Every structure is written in C-alpha cells, then in structure tokens.
Amino acid sequence: MTDLKNPKWIYGKGFLFLVILIVASGLILYEAGSWKIGLLLALAIWAAARLYYFMFYVIEHYVDQDYKFAGISSFLQYLVTRKNG
C-alpha cells in the first residue's frame, strides 16, 4: 500500500475519523444517559488528542529534531532507547 498523497483523500480520511468520533460518542452517551459520562468522555477525547499532538509534533519539533516518529510503538521505543539529557 502506498502513502496517501491526494489532499482530497486526506481530507476525506479526516472527515471519516470525525464521523466515527461523533457516532461512537453519541452511542456511548445514548447508552449511558448521563451528563457525567459525557463530560468524562469529552475529557478523555481531549486528553488523547493532546497526547497524540505531544508525541508526534512537540517531541519532533521542539525536543529532538533528528527523530521522526512512525507511530505510537515508535514513540515508546524512542522513550526506552533515547539517551538521557
């Protein structure tokens, strides 16, 4: 499988992620029927997005410009094998 390079398909992929997020969150809220669960769900989604941004942008652009991450397992490997300092 080749890399996705067409901007329309990239935006389409992002839109599908948004649809999945909305549908899954809506179903969770429907099943739980609680605003407290809704708040916790929103916090979990927000924290996951910020963690993803941290792993793949902050570290690469502000901490170690020489390292390029390829996924979450790559980031975990980086944490284990990086030199201190």
N, C-alpha and C. Protein backbone atom coordinates (compact mmCIF):
# COMPACT_ATOMS: atom_id res chain seq x y z
N MET A 1 0.85 -1.18 0.00
CA MET A 1 0.00 0.00 0.00
C MET A 1 0.89 1.24 0.00
N THR A 2 0.58 2.19 -0.84
CA THR A 2 1.38 3.41 -0.93
C THR A 2 0.86 4.48 0.01
N ASP A 3 1.67 5.51 0.20
CA ASP A 3 1.27 6.63 1.05
C ASP A 3 0.14 7.41 0.38
N LEU A 4 -0.74 7.92 1.21
CA LEU A 4 -1.85 8.75 0.74
C LEU A 4 -1.31 10.15 0.48
N LYS A 5 -1.43 10.64 -0.77
CA LYS A 5 -0.85 11.94 -1.11
C LYS A 5 -1.87 12.94 -1.67
N ASN A 6 -3.00 12.46 -2.11
CA ASN A 6 -4.01 13.33 -2.68
C ASN A 6 -4.72 14.09 -1.55
N PRO A 7 -4.66 15.43 -1.57
CA PRO A 7 -5.28 16.22 -0.49
C PRO A 7 -6.77 15.92 -0.28
N LYS A 8 -7.50 15.65 -1.36
CA LYS A 8 -8.93 15.35 -1.22
C LYS A 8 -9.14 14.07 -0.42
N TRP A 9 -8.34 13.05 -0.70
CA TRP A 9 -8.47 11.79 0.04
C TRP A 9 -8.00 11.95 1.49
N ILE A 10 -7.00 12.77 1.71
CA ILE A 10 -6.52 13.02 3.07
C ILE A 10 -7.61 13.72 3.89
N TYR A 11 -8.23 14.75 3.30
CA TYR A 11 -9.35 15.42 3.98
C TYR A 11 -10.52 14.45 4.18
N GLY A 12 -10.77 13.61 3.20
CA GLY A 12 -11.84 12.62 3.33
C GLY A 12 -11.59 11.66 4.47
N LYS A 13 -10.34 11.25 4.62
CA LYS A 13 -9.97 10.36 5.72
C LYS A 13 -10.19 11.06 7.06
N GLY A 14 -9.78 12.32 7.15
CA GLY A 14 -10.01 13.08 8.37
C GLY A 14 -11.49 13.22 8.68
N PHE A 15 -12.30 13.46 7.63
CA PHE A 15 -13.74 13.58 7.82
C PHE A 15 -14.33 12.27 8.33
N LEU A 16 -13.86 11.14 7.80
CA LEU A 16 -14.35 9.84 8.29
C LEU A 16 -13.99 9.62 9.75
N PHE A 17 -12.80 10.06 10.16
CA PHE A 17 -12.45 9.97 11.59
C PHE A 17 -13.42 10.80 12.43
N LEU A 18 -13.78 11.97 11.93
CA LEU A 18 -14.74 12.82 12.64
C LEU A 18 -16.09 12.13 12.74
N VAL A 19 -16.54 11.50 11.67
CA VAL A 19 -17.82 10.78 11.69
C VAL A 19 -17.78 9.65 12.72
N ILE A 20 -16.69 8.88 12.73
CA ILE A 20 -16.54 7.81 13.71
C ILE A 20 -16.59 8.36 15.13
N LEU A 21 -15.89 9.47 15.36
CA LEU A 21 -15.88 10.11 16.68
C LEU A 21 -17.28 10.51 17.11
N ILE A 22 -18.01 11.15 16.23
CA ILE A 22 -19.36 11.63 16.56
C ILE A 22 -20.32 10.47 16.81
N VAL A 23 -20.29 9.48 15.93
CA VAL A 23 -21.20 8.34 16.08
C VAL A 23 -20.89 7.55 17.34
N ALA A 24 -19.60 7.24 17.56
CA ALA A 24 -19.23 6.46 18.74
C ALA A 24 -19.55 7.21 20.03
N SER A 25 -19.24 8.51 20.06
CA SER A 25 -19.54 9.31 21.25
C SER A 25 -21.05 9.39 21.48
N GLY A 26 -21.80 9.59 20.41
CA GLY A 26 -23.25 9.64 20.54
C GLY A 26 -23.83 8.34 21.07
N LEU A 27 -23.32 7.22 20.58
CA LEU A 27 -23.81 5.92 21.06
C LEU A 27 -23.45 5.69 22.52
N ILE A 28 -22.25 6.11 22.92
CA ILE A 28 -21.87 5.98 24.33
C ILE A 28 -22.79 6.82 25.21
N LEU A 29 -23.04 8.06 24.80
CA LEU A 29 -23.93 8.93 25.58
C LEU A 29 -25.35 8.38 25.61
N TYR A 30 -25.80 7.82 24.50
CA TYR A 30 -27.14 7.24 24.45
C TYR A 30 -27.26 6.07 25.41
N GLU A 31 -26.25 5.21 25.41
CA GLU A 31 -26.26 4.04 26.29
C GLU A 31 -26.14 4.43 27.77
N ALA A 32 -25.28 5.40 28.06
CA ALA A 32 -25.03 5.79 29.45
C ALA A 32 -26.14 6.69 29.98
N GLY A 33 -26.61 7.61 29.14
CA GLY A 33 -27.68 8.51 29.55
C GLY A 33 -27.30 9.43 30.70
N SER A 34 -26.02 9.82 30.77
CA SER A 34 -25.56 10.63 31.89
C SER A 34 -24.66 11.75 31.38
N TRP A 35 -24.88 12.96 31.90
CA TRP A 35 -24.02 14.09 31.54
C TRP A 35 -22.62 13.92 32.14
N LYS A 36 -22.54 13.24 33.27
CA LYS A 36 -21.23 13.00 33.88
C LYS A 36 -20.38 12.12 32.96
N ILE A 37 -20.98 11.10 32.38
CA ILE A 37 -20.27 10.24 31.42
C ILE A 37 -19.88 11.07 30.20
N GLY A 38 -20.75 11.97 29.77
CA GLY A 38 -20.45 12.83 28.63
C GLY A 38 -19.24 13.71 28.91
N LEU A 39 -19.18 14.28 30.10
CA LEU A 39 -18.04 15.12 30.47
C LEU A 39 -16.75 14.30 30.52
N LEU A 40 -16.82 13.13 31.13
CA LEU A 40 -15.64 12.27 31.20
C LEU A 40 -15.19 11.82 29.80
N LEU A 41 -16.16 11.54 28.94
CA LEU A 41 -15.83 11.17 27.57
C LEU A 41 -15.15 12.32 26.84
N ALA A 42 -15.67 13.53 27.00
CA ALA A 42 -15.07 14.70 26.37
C ALA A 42 -13.64 14.93 26.88
N LEU A 43 -13.43 14.78 28.17
CA LEU A 43 -12.08 14.93 28.73
C LEU A 43 -11.13 13.86 28.20
N ALA A 44 -11.61 12.63 28.08
CA ALA A 44 -10.76 11.55 27.57
C ALA A 44 -10.38 11.81 26.11
N ILE A 45 -11.34 12.26 25.31
CA ILE A 45 -11.06 12.56 23.90
C ILE A 45 -10.07 13.72 23.80
N TRP A 46 -10.28 14.75 24.58
CA TRP A 46 -9.38 15.91 24.56
C TRP A 46 -7.96 15.50 24.97
N ALA A 47 -7.85 14.72 26.06
CA ALA A 47 -6.53 14.30 26.54
C ALA A 47 -5.83 13.39 25.52
N ALA A 48 -6.56 12.52 24.87
CA ALA A 48 -5.97 11.64 23.87
C ALA A 48 -5.44 12.45 22.69
N ALA A 49 -6.20 13.46 22.27
CA ALA A 49 -5.76 14.31 21.17
C ALA A 49 -4.51 15.10 21.54
N ARG A 50 -4.47 15.63 22.75
CA ARG A 50 -3.29 16.38 23.20
C ARG A 50 -2.07 15.47 23.33
N LEU A 51 -2.26 14.23 23.82
CA LEU A 51 -1.15 13.28 23.92
C LEU A 51 -0.61 12.94 22.54
N TYR A 52 -1.50 12.73 21.58
CA TYR A 52 -1.09 12.43 20.21
C TYR A 52 -0.28 13.60 19.64
N TYR A 53 -0.76 14.81 19.84
CA TYR A 53 -0.05 16.01 19.39
C TYR A 53 1.33 16.08 20.04
N PHE A 54 1.40 15.81 21.34
CA PHE A 54 2.65 15.83 22.07
C PHE A 54 3.64 14.83 21.48
N MET A 55 3.17 13.58 21.26
CA MET A 55 4.06 12.53 20.78
C MET A 55 4.59 12.81 19.38
N PHE A 56 3.75 13.35 18.51
CA PHE A 56 4.13 13.44 17.11
C PHE A 56 4.44 14.84 16.62
N TYR A 57 4.29 15.84 17.42
CA TYR A 57 4.65 17.18 16.97
C TYR A 57 5.61 17.84 17.95
N VAL A 58 5.24 17.90 19.19
CA VAL A 58 6.07 18.60 20.18
C VAL A 58 7.45 17.96 20.29
N ILE A 59 7.49 16.64 20.48
CA ILE A 59 8.78 15.96 20.63
C ILE A 59 9.61 16.15 19.37
N GLU A 60 9.00 15.94 18.21
CA GLU A 60 9.73 16.01 16.94
C GLU A 60 10.22 17.42 16.60
N HIS A 61 9.47 18.45 16.96
CA HIS A 61 9.83 19.81 16.57
C HIS A 61 10.55 20.60 17.66
N TYR A 62 10.37 20.25 18.92
CA TYR A 62 10.95 21.05 20.00
C TYR A 62 11.96 20.31 20.87
N VAL A 63 11.90 18.97 20.90
CA VAL A 63 12.79 18.22 21.78
C VAL A 63 13.91 17.55 21.00
N ASP A 64 13.58 16.84 19.95
CA ASP A 64 14.57 16.08 19.19
C ASP A 64 14.24 16.16 17.70
N GLN A 65 14.82 17.15 17.03
CA GLN A 65 14.52 17.39 15.63
C GLN A 65 15.06 16.29 14.71
N ASP A 66 15.97 15.47 15.19
CA ASP A 66 16.57 14.43 14.37
C ASP A 66 15.73 13.16 14.30
N TYR A 67 14.78 13.02 15.20
CA TYR A 67 14.00 11.79 15.25
C TYR A 67 12.64 11.99 14.59
N LYS A 68 12.27 11.05 13.72
CA LYS A 68 10.97 11.09 13.05
C LYS A 68 10.15 9.89 13.51
N PHE A 69 9.01 10.16 14.08
CA PHE A 69 8.17 9.10 14.63
C PHE A 69 7.32 8.47 13.55
N ALA A 70 7.12 7.17 13.66
CA ALA A 70 6.34 6.43 12.68
C ALA A 70 5.07 5.85 13.28
N GLY A 71 4.85 6.05 14.56
CA GLY A 71 3.67 5.50 15.21
C GLY A 71 3.87 5.48 16.72
N ILE A 72 2.85 5.04 17.40
CA ILE A 72 2.90 5.01 18.86
C ILE A 72 3.99 4.06 19.34
N SER A 73 4.13 2.91 18.68
CA SER A 73 5.20 1.98 19.08
C SER A 73 6.57 2.60 18.86
N SER A 74 6.70 3.39 17.81
CA SER A 74 7.96 4.10 17.56
C SER A 74 8.25 5.09 18.68
N PHE A 75 7.23 5.79 19.16
CA PHE A 75 7.41 6.73 20.25
C PHE A 75 7.81 6.01 21.54
N LEU A 76 7.16 4.88 21.83
CA LEU A 76 7.50 4.12 23.03
C LEU A 76 8.94 3.59 22.95
N GLN A 77 9.33 3.14 21.77
CA GLN A 77 10.71 2.69 21.58
C GLN A 77 11.68 3.84 21.79
N TYR A 78 11.32 5.01 21.29
CA TYR A 78 12.15 6.21 21.47
C TYR A 78 12.32 6.52 22.96
N LEU A 79 11.23 6.42 23.73
CA LEU A 79 11.32 6.70 25.17
C LEU A 79 12.26 5.74 25.88
N VAL A 80 12.23 4.47 25.46
CA VAL A 80 13.05 3.46 26.12
C VAL A 80 14.50 3.56 25.72
N THR A 81 14.78 3.88 24.45
CA THR A 81 16.16 3.83 23.95
C THR A 81 16.88 5.17 23.89
N ARG A 82 16.16 6.26 24.12
CA ARG A 82 16.82 7.59 23.99
C ARG A 82 17.87 7.78 25.05
N LYS A 83 18.83 8.61 24.75
CA LYS A 83 19.88 8.94 25.70
C LYS A 83 19.36 10.04 26.62
N ASN A 84 19.65 9.94 27.89
CA ASN A 84 19.21 10.97 28.85
C ASN A 84 19.92 12.28 28.55
N GLY A 85 19.16 13.36 28.72
CA GLY A 85 19.76 14.68 28.52
C GLY A 85 19.33 15.20 27.22
